[in-house]
Amino acid sequence: MVSARCYTWNTSALDTVLSAPLLMSVETIAQNIRSEVAKAIVGQERTIEQTLVAILANGHVLLEGVPGVAKTLLVRALARTLNLEYGRIQFTPDLMPSDVIGTNVFNPKTSEFELRKGPVFVNVLLADEINRTPPKTQAALLEAMEERRVTIDGEPHLLPPPFLVFATQNPLDFEGTYPLPEAQLDRFLLKVLVDYPTEQAELHVLRLHHSGFKPQNLEEAGIQPVVTAENLEAMQRQVQETTVEDKVFNYIYEIVKATRQSNDILVGASPRAGIALLNCSKAIAALRGREFVIPDDVKELALPVLRHRVILRPEAEVEGLNVDRVLSSVIHAQVVPR
């Protein structure tokens, strides 16, 4: 069964922000985005920050967490705040690739084939429970995530920029799921673990819903767009200009290389992982109002960048080790440049 939808956010409030954000810093705009998202998402500051890092680095995010921790709501709130076209696909075992990317349909009136675009033709795509669909359908997203285009009947079709995929998966329920292949995982810039909220945040959520908050209606919640697609692209270009010194390049390389030399890791991180860590470090530096990257930026983001890109040795798993524990040990073993 296919469940998909897409829509755009139309609001007159954008009239006041069409040009102003271009004159503001990335840090200021990001704070405005956080303020709007906070109207729907209570707490989860680190999760929100990491998703903003991925957006500024023009990358995709794999969100992993148990049901009910607001993964879908976060993506919807971000799409509205960024004024981007949003679409959702509920991944199921019977989902076909054409249900994702679209297909050519014969029109008997014109005696011609017409393109019927799939739900992938949006700016922000939520791939809900992506690991519940077979590898054949998962692979339909490979070209879209890497090339920002899809090929239908041999003809390429560009996706609207910016194109961002947020995929969710449940870390506990493995029945009826298909593990994502390494090539698919490597397309995600970050793997973000969405944990339970703190006590204060969860109590706030209860009071918010008691007062009438409806997550189905974000407009009623007062969430307003604060940027446009053009502003976002300008911010992404500004992030790319962030200064990186040689010692930071070396630090990134040493971390990536160490994953290939660890006795607990069977397959270490690839050069693409190093590029991802570089881009994310630049993004978080800009989020914090700096025009240069410091080693702490690299160290902070190394775990979400690398945790889905390495494979542990079976012996390490038998000993009770997990990816985060092994990577934390590898990262802390590297000398931080001064």
Protein backbone atom coordinates (compact mmCIF):
# COMPACT_ATOMS: atom_id res chain seq x y z
CA MET A 1 0.00 0.00 0.00
CA VAL A 2 1.35 3.40 -1.00
CA SER A 3 0.82 6.40 1.20
CA ALA A 4 2.24 9.66 -0.12
CA ARG A 5 1.44 13.32 -0.07
CA CYS A 6 3.08 16.61 -0.86
CA TYR A 7 2.12 20.23 -0.47
CA THR A 8 3.60 23.71 -0.35
CA TRP A 9 3.28 26.32 2.34
CA ASN A 10 1.52 29.44 1.10
CA THR A 11 1.49 32.36 3.48
CA SER A 12 1.56 36.12 3.16
CA ALA A 13 4.02 36.30 6.04
CA LEU A 14 6.79 35.57 3.59
CA ASP A 15 6.39 39.00 2.06
CA THR A 16 8.33 40.47 4.96
CA VAL A 17 11.27 38.04 4.77
CA LEU A 18 11.92 37.71 1.05
CA SER A 19 15.02 39.86 1.09
CA ALA A 20 15.86 40.63 4.72
CA PRO A 21 17.54 37.27 5.57
CA LEU A 22 20.16 37.85 2.91
CA LEU A 23 21.46 40.70 5.05
CA MET A 24 21.55 38.62 8.22
CA SER A 25 24.14 36.14 9.43
CA VAL A 26 23.66 32.40 9.24
CA GLU A 27 23.69 32.35 13.03
CA THR A 28 20.82 34.84 13.27
CA ILE A 29 18.71 33.09 10.64
CA ALA A 30 19.32 29.72 12.29
CA GLN A 31 18.15 31.16 15.59
CA ASN A 32 14.97 32.39 13.91
CA ILE A 33 14.43 28.88 12.49
CA ARG A 34 14.96 27.34 15.94
CA SER A 35 12.45 29.75 17.46
CA GLU A 36 9.76 28.78 14.97
CA VAL A 37 10.45 25.03 15.21
CA ALA A 38 10.32 25.30 19.02
CA LYS A 39 6.61 26.13 18.72
CA ALA A 40 6.07 22.47 17.80
CA ILE A 41 9.18 20.66 19.08
CA VAL A 42 9.97 20.97 22.79
CA GLY A 43 13.57 20.26 23.75
CA GLN A 44 15.60 18.11 21.33
CA GLU A 45 18.05 21.00 20.87
CA ARG A 46 20.89 18.78 19.73
CA THR A 47 18.67 16.97 17.22
CA ILE A 48 17.45 20.26 15.78
CA GLU A 49 20.98 21.63 15.57
CA GLN A 50 22.27 18.55 13.76
CA THR A 51 19.42 18.67 11.24
CA LEU A 52 20.21 22.35 10.62
CA VAL A 53 23.85 21.38 10.06
CA ALA A 54 22.77 18.89 7.41
CA ILE A 55 20.48 21.42 5.72
CA LEU A 56 23.24 24.05 5.56
CA ALA A 57 25.64 21.42 4.21
CA ASN A 58 22.99 20.39 1.64
CA GLY A 59 22.90 16.81 2.91
CA HIS A 60 20.42 14.12 3.86
CA VAL A 61 19.60 12.87 7.36
CA LEU A 62 18.75 9.44 8.76
CA LEU A 63 16.69 9.91 11.92
CA GLU A 64 16.65 6.89 14.21
CA GLY A 65 14.43 6.68 17.26
CA VAL A 66 11.50 4.84 18.77
CA PRO A 67 7.99 5.82 17.61
CA GLY A 68 6.52 8.91 19.22
CA VAL A 69 9.60 11.09 19.71
CA ALA A 70 8.49 13.66 17.07
CA LYS A 71 10.73 12.66 14.16
CA THR A 72 8.02 13.31 11.56
CA LEU A 73 6.82 16.46 13.29
CA LEU A 74 10.37 17.85 13.29
CA VAL A 75 10.70 17.41 9.52
CA ARG A 76 7.30 18.95 8.87
CA ALA A 77 8.10 21.92 11.10
CA LEU A 78 11.45 22.48 9.38
CA ALA A 79 9.85 22.31 5.92
CA ARG A 80 7.28 24.91 6.90
CA THR A 81 9.84 27.19 8.53
CA LEU A 82 12.05 26.99 5.43
CA ASN A 83 9.01 27.45 3.15
CA LEU A 84 9.96 24.37 1.12
CA GLU A 85 7.68 21.95 -0.68
CA TYR A 86 7.21 18.90 1.52
CA GLY A 87 6.34 15.33 0.63
CA ARG A 88 5.98 12.12 2.60
CA ILE A 89 6.28 8.49 1.54
CA GLN A 90 5.25 5.71 3.88
CA PHE A 91 7.64 2.91 2.97
CA THR A 92 5.97 -0.51 2.98
CA PRO A 93 7.00 -3.99 1.74
CA ASP A 94 4.83 -3.69 -1.39
CA LEU A 95 6.15 -0.27 -2.44
CA MET A 96 7.57 -0.23 -5.97
CA PRO A 97 10.31 2.06 -7.38
CA SER A 98 7.76 3.71 -9.69
CA ASP A 99 5.72 4.64 -6.60
CA VAL A 100 8.70 6.73 -5.49
CA ILE A 101 10.13 8.31 -8.64
CA GLY A 102 7.11 8.16 -10.96
CA THR A 103 6.46 6.60 -14.36
CA ASN A 104 5.36 7.36 -17.91
CA VAL A 105 1.63 6.74 -18.42
CA PHE A 106 -0.04 6.30 -21.80
CA ASN A 107 -2.71 8.91 -22.57
CA PRO A 108 -5.25 7.44 -25.00
CA LYS A 109 -6.56 10.91 -25.87
CA THR A 110 -3.22 12.13 -27.19
CA SER A 111 -1.78 8.68 -28.02
CA GLU A 112 1.38 9.73 -26.16
CA PHE A 113 3.13 8.80 -22.95
CA GLU A 114 3.01 11.45 -20.24
CA LEU A 115 5.25 11.71 -17.21
CA ARG A 116 3.47 11.16 -13.92
CA LYS A 117 5.93 12.42 -11.33
CA GLY A 118 6.32 10.53 -8.09
CA PRO A 119 6.37 12.07 -4.61
CA VAL A 120 10.16 12.41 -4.80
CA PHE A 121 9.72 15.64 -6.78
CA VAL A 122 9.70 17.92 -3.74
CA ASN A 123 12.26 19.93 -1.77
CA VAL A 124 11.94 18.06 1.53
CA LEU A 125 11.12 14.36 1.30
CA LEU A 126 10.25 12.37 4.42
CA ALA A 127 11.01 8.69 3.79
CA ASP A 128 9.09 7.26 6.72
CA GLU A 129 10.31 3.86 7.98
CA ILE A 130 12.63 3.52 5.03
CA ASN A 131 13.87 0.11 6.17
CA ARG A 132 10.42 -1.45 5.72
CA THR A 133 10.69 -1.52 1.93
CA PRO A 134 12.76 -4.03 -0.12
CA PRO A 135 16.25 -3.08 -1.42
CA LYS A 136 14.90 -2.66 -4.96
CA THR A 137 12.71 0.23 -3.83
CA GLN A 138 15.33 1.62 -1.46
CA ALA A 139 17.67 1.79 -4.45
CA ALA A 140 15.22 4.10 -6.22
CA LEU A 141 16.47 6.85 -3.92
CA LEU A 142 20.18 6.30 -4.61
CA GLU A 143 20.38 8.42 -7.75
CA ALA A 144 18.01 11.02 -6.30
CA MET A 145 20.10 11.47 -3.16
CA GLU A 146 23.46 11.59 -4.93
CA GLU A 147 22.73 13.23 -8.29
CA ARG A 148 19.58 15.19 -7.34
CA ARG A 149 17.82 13.63 -10.31
CA VAL A 150 15.92 10.47 -11.26
CA THR A 151 15.92 8.42 -14.46
CA ILE A 152 12.57 7.26 -15.80
CA ASP A 153 12.54 5.05 -18.91
CA GLY A 154 16.09 6.12 -19.69
CA GLU A 155 15.38 9.85 -19.47
CA PRO A 156 16.87 11.92 -16.62
CA HIS A 157 14.69 14.38 -14.71
CA LEU A 158 16.16 16.96 -12.35
CA LEU A 159 14.71 17.33 -8.88
CA PRO A 160 13.81 20.80 -7.57
CA PRO A 161 16.65 22.43 -5.61
CA PRO A 162 17.22 22.23 -2.77
CA PHE A 163 16.45 18.52 -2.44
CA LEU A 164 16.76 17.04 1.05
CA VAL A 165 15.80 13.56 2.25
CA PHE A 166 14.92 12.88 5.87
CA ALA A 167 14.50 9.16 6.46
CA THR A 168 13.27 7.58 9.67
CA GLN A 169 13.71 4.12 11.11
CA ASN A 170 12.88 2.33 14.35
CA PRO A 171 15.98 0.90 16.07
CA LEU A 172 14.00 -1.75 17.98
CA ASP A 173 11.50 -3.35 15.59
CA PHE A 174 13.34 -5.56 13.08
CA GLU A 175 10.43 -7.81 12.03
CA GLY A 176 9.50 -7.18 8.41
CA THR A 177 12.41 -4.80 7.80
CA TYR A 178 15.24 -4.75 5.28
CA PRO A 179 18.58 -3.38 6.53
CA LEU A 180 19.80 -0.45 4.45
CA PRO A 181 22.79 -1.43 2.27
CA GLU A 182 26.09 0.36 2.84
CA ALA A 183 25.75 2.31 -0.42
CA GLN A 184 22.39 3.67 0.75
CA LEU A 185 23.64 4.53 4.23
CA ASP A 186 26.63 6.36 2.80
CA ARG A 187 24.28 8.76 0.99
CA PHE A 188 23.12 10.15 4.34
CA LEU A 189 25.27 13.00 5.58
CA LEU A 190 24.30 12.37 9.20
CA LYS A 191 22.69 9.65 11.26
CA VAL A 192 20.94 11.42 14.11
CA LEU A 193 19.74 9.47 17.14
CA VAL A 194 16.48 10.93 18.48
CA ASP A 195 16.21 10.12 22.16
CA TYR A 196 13.41 10.54 24.70
CA PRO A 197 12.88 14.14 25.86
CA THR A 198 13.97 15.29 29.29
CA GLU A 199 11.49 15.33 32.17
CA GLN A 200 10.88 19.07 31.88
CA ALA A 201 10.47 18.88 28.10
CA GLU A 202 7.99 16.01 28.28
CA LEU A 203 5.92 17.79 30.92
CA HIS A 204 5.90 20.84 28.65
CA VAL A 205 4.66 18.64 25.79
CA LEU A 206 1.79 17.37 27.93
CA ARG A 207 0.77 20.90 28.87
CA LEU A 208 1.08 22.03 25.24
CA HIS A 209 -1.31 19.33 24.04
CA HIS A 210 -3.65 19.99 26.97
CA SER A 211 -3.90 23.62 25.85
CA GLY A 212 -5.05 22.56 22.38
CA PHE A 213 -1.88 22.10 20.30
CA LYS A 214 -2.62 20.03 17.17
CA PRO A 215 0.50 18.67 15.44
CA GLN A 216 -1.57 18.10 12.29
CA ASN A 217 -2.02 21.86 11.87
CA LEU A 218 1.29 23.68 12.09
CA GLU A 219 -0.18 26.91 10.74
CA GLU A 220 -2.57 27.03 13.68
CA ALA A 221 0.42 26.46 15.97
CA GLY A 222 1.82 29.76 14.69
CA ILE A 223 4.87 28.40 12.85
CA GLN A 224 5.84 30.88 10.15
CA PRO A 225 8.33 30.68 7.27
CA VAL A 226 11.46 32.73 7.93
CA VAL A 227 13.47 32.10 4.74
CA THR A 228 12.95 31.19 1.10
CA ALA A 229 14.65 28.58 -1.06
CA GLU A 230 16.81 31.35 -2.53
CA ASN A 231 17.86 32.52 0.95
CA LEU A 232 18.71 28.96 1.92
CA GLU A 233 20.92 28.49 -1.13
CA ALA A 234 22.68 31.76 -0.30
CA MET A 235 23.28 30.49 3.24
CA GLN A 236 24.67 27.21 1.90
CA ARG A 237 27.09 29.16 -0.32
CA GLN A 238 28.14 31.26 2.66
CA VAL A 239 28.84 28.10 4.67
CA GLN A 240 31.08 26.78 1.89
CA GLU A 241 33.27 29.87 2.27
CA THR A 242 34.06 29.09 5.91
CA THR A 243 37.82 29.09 6.53
CA VAL A 244 39.53 25.76 7.29
CA GLU A 245 43.19 25.62 8.36
CA ASP A 246 45.62 22.85 7.46
CA LYS A 247 45.67 21.51 11.01
CA VAL A 248 41.90 20.97 10.83
CA PHE A 249 42.22 19.15 7.49
CA ASN A 250 44.84 16.91 9.09
CA TYR A 251 42.66 16.31 12.14
CA ILE A 252 39.74 15.18 9.95
CA TYR A 253 42.03 12.87 8.00
CA GLU A 254 43.52 11.34 11.15
CA ILE A 255 40.08 10.54 12.54
CA VAL A 256 38.92 8.93 9.29
CA LYS A 257 42.18 7.00 8.92
CA ALA A 258 41.95 5.74 12.51
CA THR A 259 38.62 4.06 11.76
CA ARG A 260 40.39 1.96 9.12
CA GLN A 261 43.10 0.91 11.56
CA SER A 262 40.93 0.04 14.57
CA ASN A 263 41.01 -3.60 15.64
CA ASP A 264 37.27 -3.43 16.35
CA ILE A 265 36.22 -2.09 12.94
CA LEU A 266 35.96 -4.35 9.90
CA VAL A 267 35.22 -1.62 7.32
CA GLY A 268 36.42 1.90 8.07
CA ALA A 269 35.19 5.25 6.81
CA SER A 270 35.74 6.21 3.17
CA PRO A 271 37.05 9.52 1.78
CA ARG A 272 33.41 10.56 1.34
CA ALA A 273 33.08 10.37 5.11
CA GLY A 274 35.96 12.83 5.47
CA ILE A 275 34.28 15.21 3.02
CA ALA A 276 31.03 14.91 4.99
CA LEU A 277 32.84 15.66 8.25
CA LEU A 278 34.49 18.70 6.66
CA ASN A 279 31.20 20.10 5.34
CA CYS A 280 29.37 19.51 8.61
CA SER A 281 32.16 21.17 10.59
CA LYS A 282 31.90 24.24 8.39
CA ALA A 283 28.14 24.32 8.84
CA ILE A 284 28.23 24.15 12.63
CA ALA A 285 30.91 26.84 12.72
CA ALA A 286 28.59 29.13 10.73
CA LEU A 287 25.67 28.23 13.01
CA ARG A 288 27.72 29.45 15.94
CA GLY A 289 28.69 32.71 14.31
CA ARG A 290 32.23 31.86 13.28
CA GLU A 291 33.87 32.22 9.88
CA PHE A 292 36.40 29.49 10.64
CA VAL A 293 36.35 25.86 11.79
CA ILE A 294 37.91 24.81 15.09
CA PRO A 295 38.88 21.23 16.04
CA ASP A 296 36.00 21.04 18.53
CA ASP A 297 33.57 21.38 15.61
CA VAL A 298 35.09 18.29 14.02
CA LYS A 299 35.14 16.34 17.27
CA GLU A 300 31.51 17.16 18.03
CA LEU A 301 30.16 16.00 14.67
CA ALA A 302 32.45 13.02 14.06
CA LEU A 303 30.03 10.57 15.70
CA PRO A 304 26.83 11.42 13.73
CA VAL A 305 28.88 11.61 10.53
CA LEU A 306 30.65 8.26 11.00
CA ARG A 307 28.31 5.99 13.00
CA HIS A 308 26.50 4.70 9.90
CA ARG A 309 29.59 4.48 7.72
CA VAL A 310 31.64 1.86 9.57
CA ILE A 311 31.07 -1.86 10.17
CA LEU A 312 32.19 -3.52 13.38
CA ARG A 313 33.99 -6.85 13.47
CA PRO A 314 31.79 -9.74 14.63
CA GLU A 315 34.14 -10.31 17.57
CA ALA A 316 33.55 -6.74 18.80
CA GLU A 317 29.80 -7.23 18.73
CA VAL A 318 30.15 -10.52 20.61
CA GLU A 319 32.07 -8.62 23.29
CA GLY A 320 29.12 -6.27 23.68
CA LEU A 321 30.62 -3.26 21.89
CA ASN A 322 28.51 -1.00 19.71
CA VAL A 323 29.43 1.45 16.96
CA ASP A 324 29.13 4.59 19.07
CA ARG A 325 31.30 3.20 21.84
CA VAL A 326 34.04 2.08 19.44
CA LEU A 327 33.99 5.34 17.47
CA SER A 328 34.08 7.43 20.64
CA SER A 329 37.22 5.59 21.66
CA VAL A 330 38.78 6.14 18.23
CA ILE A 331 37.90 9.84 18.19
CA HIS A 332 39.19 10.55 21.70
CA ALA A 333 42.44 8.76 20.93
CA GLN A 334 43.36 11.35 18.30
CA VAL A 335 45.48 14.35 19.29
CA VAL A 336 43.43 17.52 19.06
CA PRO A 337 45.42 20.27 17.28
CA ARG A 338 45.90 23.59 19.03
